[in-house]
Amino acid sequence: MDKKYVADLENLTPLIGREVLMDGAQIALFRLSDDNVKAIENRCPHKNGPLAEGTVSGTDVFCPLHDYKISLETGQVAAPDEGCVKTYETSVENGKIYLVTNP
């Protein structure tokens, strides 16, 4: 298991997304109210809305363009809408956020 540093936990405001880049991929990071960090592809499958600008509720984010509800845990869009975004495994160690990558 490899990991790549992407941000400091203290620099993420709870429930506010932030875009980071990893190997050319645009990723939306979210610090939840319990300090867990979730990471998903920063592109809504509907119209490519920037999910980092969406509204967080629990473990879901709502796309800022058309309000699609997307799970931060699975990347799945809630019915009746359809679609899915890529999720990324995160690790927080000593206040540093890492994305887990495959070698």
PDB file of N, CA and C in Angstrom:
ATOM      1  N   MET A   1       0.852  -1.184   0.000  1.00  0.00           N
ATOM      2  CA  MET A   1       0.000   0.000   0.000  1.00  0.00           C
ATOM      3  C   MET A   1       0.895   1.243   0.000  1.00  0.00           C
ATOM      4  N   ASP A   2       0.674   2.093  -0.970  1.00  0.00           N
ATOM      5  CA  ASP A   2       1.367   3.367  -1.035  1.00  0.00           C
ATOM      6  C   ASP A   2       0.378   4.461  -0.673  1.00  0.00           C
ATOM      7  N   LYS A   3       0.904   5.584  -0.253  1.00  0.00           N
ATOM      8  CA  LYS A   3       0.029   6.714   0.059  1.00  0.00           C
ATOM      9  C   LYS A   3       0.718   8.000  -0.331  1.00  0.00           C
ATOM     10  N   LYS A   4      -0.118   8.987  -0.636  1.00  0.00           N
ATOM     11  CA  LYS A   4       0.399  10.275  -1.074  1.00  0.00           C
ATOM     12  C   LYS A   4      -0.218  11.379  -0.214  1.00  0.00           C
ATOM     13  N   TYR A   5       0.639  12.220   0.364  1.00  0.00           N
ATOM     14  CA  TYR A   5       0.171  13.342   1.185  1.00  0.00           C
ATOM     15  C   TYR A   5      -0.571  14.338   0.294  1.00  0.00           C
ATOM     16  N   VAL A   6      -1.745  14.810   0.772  1.00  0.00           N
ATOM     17  CA  VAL A   6      -2.516  15.780  -0.018  1.00  0.00           C
ATOM     18  C   VAL A   6      -2.900  17.038   0.756  1.00  0.00           C
ATOM     19  N   ALA A   7      -2.967  16.984   2.101  1.00  0.00           N
ATOM     20  CA  ALA A   7      -3.390  18.166   2.857  1.00  0.00           C
ATOM     21  C   ALA A   7      -3.197  17.932   4.349  1.00  0.00           C
ATOM     22  N   ASP A   8      -3.268  19.024   5.100  1.00  0.00           N
ATOM     23  CA  ASP A   8      -3.277  18.948   6.562  1.00  0.00           C
ATOM     24  C   ASP A   8      -4.724  18.998   7.031  1.00  0.00           C
ATOM     25  N   LEU A   9      -5.065  18.159   8.000  1.00  0.00           N
ATOM     26  CA  LEU A   9      -6.431  18.114   8.516  1.00  0.00           C
ATOM     27  C   LEU A   9      -6.873  19.484   9.022  1.00  0.00           C
ATOM     28  N   GLU A  10      -5.982  20.201   9.685  1.00  0.00           N
ATOM     29  CA  GLU A  10      -6.351  21.501  10.249  1.00  0.00           C
ATOM     30  C   GLU A  10      -6.732  22.528   9.178  1.00  0.00           C
ATOM     31  N   ASN A  11      -6.337  22.301   7.941  1.00  0.00           N
ATOM     32  CA  ASN A  11      -6.657  23.224   6.856  1.00  0.00           C
ATOM     33  C   ASN A  11      -7.956  22.893   6.146  1.00  0.00           C
ATOM     34  N   LEU A  12      -8.635  21.837   6.570  1.00  0.00           N
ATOM     35  CA  LEU A  12      -9.940  21.489   5.997  1.00  0.00           C
ATOM     36  C   LEU A  12     -11.032  21.917   6.963  1.00  0.00           C
ATOM     37  N   THR A  13     -11.914  22.765   6.509  1.00  0.00           N
ATOM     38  CA  THR A  13     -13.055  23.177   7.316  1.00  0.00           C
ATOM     39  C   THR A  13     -14.091  22.062   7.292  1.00  0.00           C
ATOM     40  N   PRO A  14     -14.593  21.652   8.460  1.00  0.00           N
ATOM     41  CA  PRO A  14     -15.605  20.596   8.467  1.00  0.00           C
ATOM     42  C   PRO A  14     -16.793  20.940   7.564  1.00  0.00           C
ATOM     43  N   LEU A  15     -17.218  19.944   6.784  1.00  0.00           N
ATOM     44  CA  LEU A  15     -18.379  20.005   5.893  1.00  0.00           C
ATOM     45  C   LEU A  15     -18.199  20.931   4.687  1.00  0.00           C
ATOM     46  N   ILE A  16     -16.978  21.376   4.438  1.00  0.00           N
ATOM     47  CA  ILE A  16     -16.674  22.212   3.271  1.00  0.00           C
ATOM     48  C   ILE A  16     -15.642  21.460   2.426  1.00  0.00           C
ATOM     49  N   GLY A  17     -15.955  21.261   1.159  1.00  0.00           N
ATOM     50  CA  GLY A  17     -15.061  20.521   0.279  1.00  0.00           C
ATOM     51  C   GLY A  17     -13.857  21.345  -0.146  1.00  0.00           C
ATOM     52  N   ARG A  18     -12.842  20.611  -0.588  1.00  0.00           N
ATOM     53  CA  ARG A  18     -11.633  21.241  -1.108  1.00  0.00           C
ATOM     54  C   ARG A  18     -11.091  20.365  -2.227  1.00  0.00           C
ATOM     55  N   GLU A  19     -10.742  20.982  -3.342  1.00  0.00           N
ATOM     56  CA  GLU A  19     -10.184  20.223  -4.452  1.00  0.00           C
ATOM     57  C   GLU A  19      -8.676  20.061  -4.285  1.00  0.00           C
ATOM     58  N   VAL A  20      -8.196  18.850  -4.540  1.00  0.00           N
ATOM     59  CA  VAL A  20      -6.760  18.573  -4.576  1.00  0.00           C
ATOM     60  C   VAL A  20      -6.482  17.805  -5.866  1.00  0.00           C
ATOM     61  N   LEU A  21      -5.231  17.846  -6.292  1.00  0.00           N
ATOM     62  CA  LEU A  21      -4.827  17.104  -7.478  1.00  0.00           C
ATOM     63  C   LEU A  21      -3.895  15.978  -7.069  1.00  0.00           C
ATOM     64  N   MET A  22      -4.103  14.810  -7.685  1.00  0.00           N
ATOM     65  CA  MET A  22      -3.196  13.691  -7.462  1.00  0.00           C
ATOM     66  C   MET A  22      -3.001  12.990  -8.800  1.00  0.00           C
ATOM     67  N   ASP A  23      -1.787  13.024  -9.286  1.00  0.00           N
ATOM     68  CA  ASP A  23      -1.455  12.382 -10.556  1.00  0.00           C
ATOM     69  C   ASP A  23      -2.402  12.821 -11.670  1.00  0.00           C
ATOM     70  N   GLY A  24      -2.727  14.112 -11.701  1.00  0.00           N
ATOM     71  CA  GLY A  24      -3.588  14.672 -12.741  1.00  0.00           C
ATOM     72  C   GLY A  24      -5.074  14.532 -12.488  1.00  0.00           C
ATOM     73  N   ALA A  25      -5.463  13.767 -11.463  1.00  0.00           N
ATOM     74  CA  ALA A  25      -6.886  13.586 -11.142  1.00  0.00           C
ATOM     75  C   ALA A  25      -7.358  14.688 -10.199  1.00  0.00           C
ATOM     76  N   GLN A  26      -8.539  15.247 -10.490  1.00  0.00           N
ATOM     77  CA  GLN A  26      -9.150  16.241  -9.609  1.00  0.00           C
ATOM     78  C   GLN A  26      -9.987  15.497  -8.578  1.00  0.00           C
ATOM     79  N   ILE A  27      -9.646  15.696  -7.306  1.00  0.00           N
ATOM     80  CA  ILE A  27     -10.280  14.962  -6.212  1.00  0.00           C
ATOM     81  C   ILE A  27     -10.868  15.953  -5.214  1.00  0.00           C
ATOM     82  N   ALA A  28     -12.078  15.660  -4.752  1.00  0.00           N
ATOM     83  CA  ALA A  28     -12.736  16.481  -3.736  1.00  0.00           C
ATOM     84  C   ALA A  28     -12.529  15.827  -2.374  1.00  0.00           C
ATOM     85  N   LEU A  29     -11.947  16.592  -1.447  1.00  0.00           N
ATOM     86  CA  LEU A  29     -11.743  16.128  -0.069  1.00  0.00           C
ATOM     87  C   LEU A  29     -12.806  16.744   0.819  1.00  0.00           C
ATOM     88  N   PHE A  30     -13.310  15.956   1.754  1.00  0.00           N
ATOM     89  CA  PHE A  30     -14.312  16.453   2.692  1.00  0.00           C
ATOM     90  C   PHE A  30     -13.953  15.990   4.097  1.00  0.00           C
ATOM     91  N   ARG A  31     -13.925  16.933   5.022  1.00  0.00           N
ATOM     92  CA  ARG A  31     -13.766  16.618   6.445  1.00  0.00           C
ATOM     93  C   ARG A  31     -15.164  16.604   7.047  1.00  0.00           C
ATOM     94  N   LEU A  32     -15.578  15.444   7.522  1.00  0.00           N
ATOM     95  CA  LEU A  32     -16.911  15.311   8.095  1.00  0.00           C
ATOM     96  C   LEU A  32     -16.932  15.848   9.518  1.00  0.00           C
ATOM     97  N   SER A  33     -18.113  15.969  10.084  1.00  0.00           N
ATOM     98  CA  SER A  33     -18.240  16.550  11.427  1.00  0.00           C
ATOM     99  C   SER A  33     -17.549  15.710  12.489  1.00  0.00           C
ATOM    100  N   ASP A  34     -17.324  14.409  12.234  1.00  0.00           N
ATOM    101  CA  ASP A  34     -16.615  13.550  13.189  1.00  0.00           C
ATOM    102  C   ASP A  34     -15.112  13.476  12.894  1.00  0.00           C
ATOM    103  N   ASP A  35     -14.631  14.353  12.012  1.00  0.00           N
ATOM    104  CA  ASP A  35     -13.228  14.448  11.591  1.00  0.00           C
ATOM    105  C   ASP A  35     -12.770  13.319  10.669  1.00  0.00           C
ATOM    106  N   ASN A  36     -13.660  12.427  10.261  1.00  0.00           N
ATOM    107  CA  ASN A  36     -13.309  11.481   9.206  1.00  0.00           C
ATOM    108  C   ASN A  36     -13.138  12.261   7.913  1.00  0.00           C
ATOM    109  N   VAL A  37     -12.249  11.797   7.058  1.00  0.00           N
ATOM    110  CA  VAL A  37     -12.005  12.469   5.783  1.00  0.00           C
ATOM    111  C   VAL A  37     -12.392  11.529   4.655  1.00  0.00           C
ATOM    112  N   LYS A  38     -13.176  12.043   3.725  1.00  0.00           N
ATOM    113  CA  LYS A  38     -13.615  11.283   2.555  1.00  0.00           C
ATOM    114  C   LYS A  38     -13.080  11.963   1.303  1.00  0.00           C
ATOM    115  N   ALA A  39     -12.819  11.150   0.290  1.00  0.00           N
ATOM    116  CA  ALA A  39     -12.303  11.678  -0.973  1.00  0.00           C
ATOM    117  C   ALA A  39     -13.017  11.000  -2.134  1.00  0.00           C
ATOM    118  N   ILE A  40     -13.498  11.824  -3.066  1.00  0.00           N
ATOM    119  CA  ILE A  40     -14.169  11.305  -4.254  1.00  0.00           C
ATOM    120  C   ILE A  40     -13.715  12.115  -5.464  1.00  0.00           C
ATOM    121  N   GLU A  41     -13.971  11.553  -6.613  1.00  0.00           N
ATOM    122  CA  GLU A  41     -13.713  12.258  -7.869  1.00  0.00           C
ATOM    123  C   GLU A  41     -14.495  13.572  -7.839  1.00  0.00           C
ATOM    124  N   ASN A  42     -13.859  14.658  -8.252  1.00  0.00           N
ATOM    125  CA  ASN A  42     -14.492  15.980  -8.174  1.00  0.00           C
ATOM    126  C   ASN A  42     -15.282  16.292  -9.442  1.00  0.00           C
ATOM    127  N   ARG A  43     -16.184  15.359  -9.814  1.00  0.00           N
ATOM    128  CA  ARG A  43     -16.960  15.553 -11.024  1.00  0.00           C
ATOM    129  C   ARG A  43     -18.264  14.788 -10.900  1.00  0.00           C
ATOM    130  N   CYS A  44     -19.355  15.512 -10.920  1.00  0.00           N
ATOM    131  CA  CYS A  44     -20.663  14.865 -10.883  1.00  0.00           C
ATOM    132  C   CYS A  44     -20.874  14.117 -12.203  1.00  0.00           C
ATOM    133  N   PRO A  45     -21.397  12.887 -12.155  1.00  0.00           N
ATOM    134  CA  PRO A  45     -21.603  12.140 -13.392  1.00  0.00           C
ATOM    135  C   PRO A  45     -22.718  12.709 -14.280  1.00  0.00           C
ATOM    136  N   HIS A  46     -23.503  13.630 -13.751  1.00  0.00           N
ATOM    137  CA  HIS A  46     -24.611  14.193 -14.521  1.00  0.00           C
ATOM    138  C   HIS A  46     -24.133  15.243 -15.509  1.00  0.00           C
ATOM    139  N   LYS A  47     -23.578  16.347 -15.001  1.00  0.00           N
ATOM    140  CA  LYS A  47     -23.132  17.442 -15.869  1.00  0.00           C
ATOM    141  C   LYS A  47     -21.746  17.945 -15.485  1.00  0.00           C
ATOM    142  N   ASN A  48     -20.957  17.067 -14.852  1.00  0.00           N
ATOM    143  CA  ASN A  48     -19.578  17.393 -14.457  1.00  0.00           C
ATOM    144  C   ASN A  48     -19.474  18.524 -13.442  1.00  0.00           C
ATOM    145  N   GLY A  49     -20.479  18.694 -12.616  1.00  0.00           N
ATOM    146  CA  GLY A  49     -20.444  19.725 -11.576  1.00  0.00           C
ATOM    147  C   GLY A  49     -19.297  19.492 -10.601  1.00  0.00           C
ATOM    148  N   PRO A  50     -18.715  20.576 -10.071  1.00  0.00           N
ATOM    149  CA  PRO A  50     -17.593  20.466  -9.130  1.00  0.00           C
ATOM    150  C   PRO A  50     -18.077  20.061  -7.738  1.00  0.00           C
ATOM    151  N   LEU A  51     -17.929  18.805  -7.386  1.00  0.00           N
ATOM    152  CA  LEU A  51     -18.481  18.297  -6.130  1.00  0.00           C
ATOM    153  C   LEU A  51     -17.845  18.928  -4.894  1.00  0.00           C
ATOM    154  N   ALA A  52     -16.616  19.416  -5.008  1.00  0.00           N
ATOM    155  CA  ALA A  52     -15.971  20.086  -3.873  1.00  0.00           C
ATOM    156  C   ALA A  52     -16.745  21.338  -3.459  1.00  0.00           C
ATOM    157  N   GLU A  53     -17.561  21.870  -4.350  1.00  0.00           N
ATOM    158  CA  GLU A  53     -18.372  23.053  -4.052  1.00  0.00           C
ATOM    159  C   GLU A  53     -19.770  22.684  -3.578  1.00  0.00           C
ATOM    160  N   GLY A  54     -20.039  21.395  -3.428  1.00  0.00           N
ATOM    161  CA  GLY A  54     -21.363  20.936  -3.027  1.00  0.00           C
ATOM    162  C   GLY A  54     -21.614  21.069  -1.533  1.00  0.00           C
ATOM    163  N   THR A  55     -22.847  20.777  -1.158  1.00  0.00           N
ATOM    164  CA  THR A  55     -23.280  20.833   0.237  1.00  0.00           C
ATOM    165  C   THR A  55     -23.188  19.442   0.843  1.00  0.00           C
ATOM    166  N   VAL A  56     -22.539  19.341   2.000  1.00  0.00           N
ATOM    167  CA  VAL A  56     -22.384  18.061   2.685  1.00  0.00           C
ATOM    168  C   VAL A  56     -23.482  17.895   3.726  1.00  0.00           C
ATOM    169  N   SER A  57     -24.060  16.686   3.742  1.00  0.00           N
ATOM    170  CA  SER A  57     -25.057  16.326   4.749  1.00  0.00           C
ATOM    171  C   SER A  57     -24.762  14.891   5.165  1.00  0.00           C
ATOM    172  N   GLY A  58     -24.324  14.713   6.400  1.00  0.00           N
ATOM    173  CA  GLY A  58     -23.956  13.375   6.866  1.00  0.00           C
ATOM    174  C   GLY A  58     -22.771  12.863   6.072  1.00  0.00           C
ATOM    175  N   THR A  59     -22.975  11.752   5.366  1.00  0.00           N
ATOM    176  CA  THR A  59     -21.904  11.188   4.533  1.00  0.00           C
ATOM    177  C   THR A  59     -22.250  11.296   3.044  1.00  0.00           C
ATOM    178  N   ASP A  60     -23.036  12.321   2.711  1.00  0.00           N
ATOM    179  CA  ASP A  60     -23.409  12.580   1.317  1.00  0.00           C
ATOM    180  C   ASP A  60     -23.029  13.999   0.938  1.00  0.00           C
ATOM    181  N   VAL A  61     -22.834  14.197  -0.366  1.00  0.00           N
ATOM    182  CA  VAL A  61     -22.625  15.541  -0.891  1.00  0.00           C
ATOM    183  C   VAL A  61     -23.666  15.765  -1.985  1.00  0.00           C
ATOM    184  N   PHE A  62     -24.180  16.985  -2.060  1.00  0.00           N
ATOM    185  CA  PHE A  62     -25.151  17.350  -3.072  1.00  0.00           C
ATOM    186  C   PHE A  62     -24.458  18.222  -4.119  1.00  0.00           C
ATOM    187  N   CYS A  63     -24.537  17.804  -5.371  1.00  0.00           N
ATOM    188  CA  CYS A  63     -23.895  18.541  -6.456  1.00  0.00           C
ATOM    189  C   CYS A  63     -24.433  19.973  -6.487  1.00  0.00           C
ATOM    190  N   PRO A  64     -23.555  20.966  -6.635  1.00  0.00           N
ATOM    191  CA  PRO A  64     -24.004  22.353  -6.639  1.00  0.00           C
ATOM    192  C   PRO A  64     -24.794  22.741  -7.890  1.00  0.00           C
ATOM    193  N   LEU A  65     -24.716  21.951  -8.950  1.00  0.00           N
ATOM    194  CA  LEU A  65     -25.425  22.313 -10.181  1.00  0.00           C
ATOM    195  C   LEU A  65     -26.876  21.849 -10.212  1.00  0.00           C
ATOM    196  N   HIS A  66     -27.123  20.566  -9.925  1.00  0.00           N
ATOM    197  CA  HIS A  66     -28.473  20.034 -10.046  1.00  0.00           C
ATOM    198  C   HIS A  66     -28.905  19.200  -8.846  1.00  0.00           C
ATOM    199  N   ASP A  67     -28.184  19.322  -7.729  1.00  0.00           N
ATOM    200  CA  ASP A  67     -28.579  18.719  -6.459  1.00  0.00           C
ATOM    201  C   ASP A  67     -28.569  17.187  -6.442  1.00  0.00           C
ATOM    202  N   TYR A  68     -27.783  16.561  -7.310  1.00  0.00           N
ATOM    203  CA  TYR A  68     -27.645  15.102  -7.232  1.00  0.00           C
ATOM    204  C   TYR A  68     -27.023  14.762  -5.882  1.00  0.00           C
ATOM    205  N   LYS A  69     -27.569  13.746  -5.230  1.00  0.00           N
ATOM    206  CA  LYS A  69     -27.062  13.300  -3.923  1.00  0.00           C
ATOM    207  C   LYS A  69     -26.089  12.145  -4.163  1.00  0.00           C
ATOM    208  N   ILE A  70     -24.844  12.305  -3.699  1.00  0.00           N
ATOM    209  CA  ILE A  70     -23.799  11.313  -3.944  1.00  0.00           C
ATOM    210  C   ILE A  70     -23.190  10.888  -2.615  1.00  0.00           C
ATOM    211  N   SER A  71     -23.081   9.584  -2.420  1.00  0.00           N
ATOM    212  CA  SER A  71     -22.493   9.041  -1.202  1.00  0.00           C
ATOM    213  C   SER A  71     -20.987   9.273  -1.199  1.00  0.00           C
ATOM    214  N   LEU A  72     -20.477   9.832  -0.109  1.00  0.00           N
ATOM    215  CA  LEU A  72     -19.037  10.019   0.032  1.00  0.00           C
ATOM    216  C   LEU A  72     -18.345   8.704   0.373  1.00  0.00           C
ATOM    217  N   GLU A  73     -19.112   7.704   0.751  1.00  0.00           N
ATOM    218  CA  GLU A  73     -18.539   6.407   1.102  1.00  0.00           C
ATOM    219  C   GLU A  73     -18.450   5.460  -0.093  1.00  0.00           C
ATOM    220  N   THR A  74     -19.465   5.466  -0.944  1.00  0.00           N
ATOM    221  CA  THR A  74     -19.502   4.521  -2.070  1.00  0.00           C
ATOM    222  C   THR A  74     -19.358   5.194  -3.428  1.00  0.00           C
ATOM    223  N   GLY A  75     -19.613   6.501  -3.498  1.00  0.00           N
ATOM    224  CA  GLY A  75     -19.591   7.209  -4.773  1.00  0.00           C
ATOM    225  C   GLY A  75     -20.879   7.070  -5.563  1.00  0.00           C
ATOM    226  N   GLN A  76     -21.830   6.316  -5.040  1.00  0.00           N
ATOM    227  CA  GLN A  76     -23.079   6.045  -5.738  1.00  0.00           C
ATOM    228  C   GLN A  76     -24.044   7.222  -5.654  1.00  0.00           C
ATOM    229  N   VAL A  77     -24.668   7.534  -6.778  1.00  0.00           N
ATOM    230  CA  VAL A  77     -25.701   8.573  -6.827  1.00  0.00           C
ATOM    231  C   VAL A  77     -27.003   7.968  -6.301  1.00  0.00           C
ATOM    232  N   ALA A  78     -27.720   8.722  -5.472  1.00  0.00           N
ATOM    233  CA  ALA A  78     -28.980   8.240  -4.891  1.00  0.00           C
ATOM    234  C   ALA A  78     -30.093   8.222  -5.941  1.00  0.00           C
ATOM    235  N   ALA A  79     -30.921   7.182  -5.879  1.00  0.00           N
ATOM    236  CA  ALA A  79     -32.089   7.044  -6.760  1.00  0.00           C
ATOM    237  C   ALA A  79     -33.073   8.172  -6.475  1.00  0.00           C
ATOM    238  N   PRO A  80     -33.820   8.639  -7.434  1.00  0.00           N
ATOM    239  CA  PRO A  80     -34.031   8.042  -8.750  1.00  0.00           C
ATOM    240  C   PRO A  80     -32.947   8.421  -9.773  1.00  0.00           C
ATOM    241  N   ASP A  81     -31.985   9.251  -9.382  1.00  0.00           N
ATOM    242  CA  ASP A  81     -30.909   9.601 -10.300  1.00  0.00           C
ATOM    243  C   ASP A  81     -29.955   8.422 -10.410  1.00  0.00           C
ATOM    244  N   GLU A  82     -29.087   8.465 -11.416  1.00  0.00           N
ATOM    245  CA  GLU A  82     -28.176   7.354 -11.656  1.00  0.00           C
ATOM    246  C   GLU A  82     -26.755   7.848 -11.847  1.00  0.00           C
ATOM    247  N   GLY A  83     -25.806   6.979 -11.563  1.00  0.00           N
ATOM    248  CA  GLY A  83     -24.405   7.293 -11.801  1.00  0.00           C
ATOM    249  C   GLY A  83     -23.553   6.951 -10.601  1.00  0.00           C
ATOM    250  N   CYS A  84     -22.255   7.130 -10.777  1.00  0.00           N
ATOM    251  CA  CYS A  84     -21.311   6.815  -9.730  1.00  0.00           C
ATOM    252  C   CYS A  84     -20.029   7.599  -9.990  1.00  0.00           C
ATOM    253  N   VAL A  85     -19.330   7.964  -8.927  1.00  0.00           N
ATOM    254  CA  VAL A  85     -18.021   8.605  -9.052  1.00  0.00           C
ATOM    255  C   VAL A  85     -17.007   7.735  -8.327  1.00  0.00           C
ATOM    256  N   LYS A  86     -15.761   7.898  -8.700  1.00  0.00           N
ATOM    257  CA  LYS A  86     -14.682   7.135  -8.072  1.00  0.00           C
ATOM    258  C   LYS A  86     -14.465   7.633  -6.650  1.00  0.00           C
ATOM    259  N   THR A  87     -14.235   6.706  -5.735  1.00  0.00           N
ATOM    260  CA  THR A  87     -13.894   7.053  -4.353  1.00  0.00           C
ATOM    261  C   THR A  87     -12.426   6.726  -4.130  1.00  0.00           C
ATOM    262  N   TYR A  88     -11.832   7.384  -3.152  1.00  0.00           N
ATOM    263  CA  TYR A  88     -10.434   7.174  -2.812  1.00  0.00           C
ATOM    264  C   TYR A  88     -10.331   6.885  -1.323  1.00  0.00           C
ATOM    265  N   GLU A  89      -9.511   5.924  -0.984  1.00  0.00           N
ATOM    266  CA  GLU A  89      -9.276   5.604   0.418  1.00  0.00           C
ATOM    267  C   GLU A  89      -8.374   6.675   1.018  1.00  0.00           C
ATOM    268  N   THR A  90      -8.707   7.117   2.226  1.00  0.00           N
ATOM    269  CA  THR A  90      -7.915   8.136   2.912  1.00  0.00           C
ATOM    270  C   THR A  90      -7.322   7.584   4.187  1.00  0.00           C
ATOM    271  N   SER A  91      -6.274   8.243   4.630  1.00  0.00           N
ATOM    272  CA  SER A  91      -5.630   7.908   5.896  1.00  0.00           C
ATOM    273  C   SER A  91      -5.208   9.221   6.535  1.00  0.00           C
ATOM    274  N   VAL A  92      -5.495   9.381   7.829  1.00  0.00           N
ATOM    275  CA  VAL A  92      -5.069  10.572   8.560  1.00  0.00           C
ATOM    276  C   VAL A  92      -4.078  10.125   9.630  1.00  0.00           C
ATOM    277  N   GLU A  93      -2.879  10.664   9.540  1.00  0.00           N
ATOM    278  CA  GLU A  93      -1.825  10.309  10.482  1.00  0.00           C
ATOM    279  C   GLU A  93      -1.137  11.576  10.971  1.00  0.00           C
ATOM    280  N   ASN A  94      -1.167  11.779  12.265  1.00  0.00           N
ATOM    281  CA  ASN A  94      -0.531  12.958  12.862  1.00  0.00           C
ATOM    282  C   ASN A  94      -0.989  14.256  12.207  1.00  0.00           C
ATOM    283  N   GLY A  95      -2.288  14.336  11.910  1.00  0.00           N
ATOM    284  CA  GLY A  95      -2.853  15.551  11.330  1.00  0.00           C
ATOM    285  C   GLY A  95      -2.597  15.722   9.845  1.00  0.00           C
ATOM    286  N   LYS A  96      -1.998  14.735   9.197  1.00  0.00           N
ATOM    287  CA  LYS A  96      -1.726  14.784   7.761  1.00  0.00           C
ATOM    288  C   LYS A  96      -2.696  13.846   7.043  1.00  0.00           C
ATOM    289  N   ILE A  97      -3.249  14.312   5.916  1.00  0.00           N
ATOM    290  CA  ILE A  97      -4.186  13.511   5.135  1.00  0.00           C
ATOM    291  C   ILE A  97      -3.442  12.905   3.947  1.00  0.00           C
ATOM    292  N   TYR A  98      -3.607  11.600   3.789  1.00  0.00           N
ATOM    293  CA  TYR A  98      -2.998  10.877   2.680  1.00  0.00           C
ATOM    294  C   TYR A  98      -4.089  10.182   1.869  1.00  0.00           C
ATOM    295  N   LEU A  99      -3.878  10.083   0.579  1.00  0.00           N
ATOM    296  CA  LEU A  99      -4.704   9.248  -0.270  1.00  0.00           C
ATOM    297  C   LEU A  99      -3.919   7.964  -0.499  1.00  0.00           C
ATOM    298  N   VAL A 100      -4.607   6.850  -0.317  1.00  0.00           N
ATOM    299  CA  VAL A 100      -3.981   5.546  -0.503  1.00  0.00           C
ATOM    300  C   VAL A 100      -4.001   5.227  -1.994  1.00  0.00           C
ATOM    301  N   THR A 101      -2.851   4.855  -2.505  1.00  0.00           N
ATOM    302  CA  THR A 101      -2.731   4.537  -3.930  1.00  0.00           C
ATOM    303  C   THR A 101      -2.263   3.107  -4.086  1.00  0.00           C
ATOM    304  N   ASN A 102      -2.555   2.521  -5.206  1.00  0.00           N
ATOM    305  CA  ASN A 102      -2.076   1.179  -5.512  1.00  0.00           C
ATOM    306  C   ASN A 102      -0.768   1.291  -6.267  1.00  0.00           C
ATOM    307  N   PRO A 103       0.191   0.435  -5.947  1.00  0.00           N
ATOM    308  CA  PRO A 103       1.490   0.499  -6.637  1.00  0.00           C
ATOM    309  C   PRO A 103       1.375   0.120  -8.106  1.00  0.00           C
TER     310      PRO A 103
END
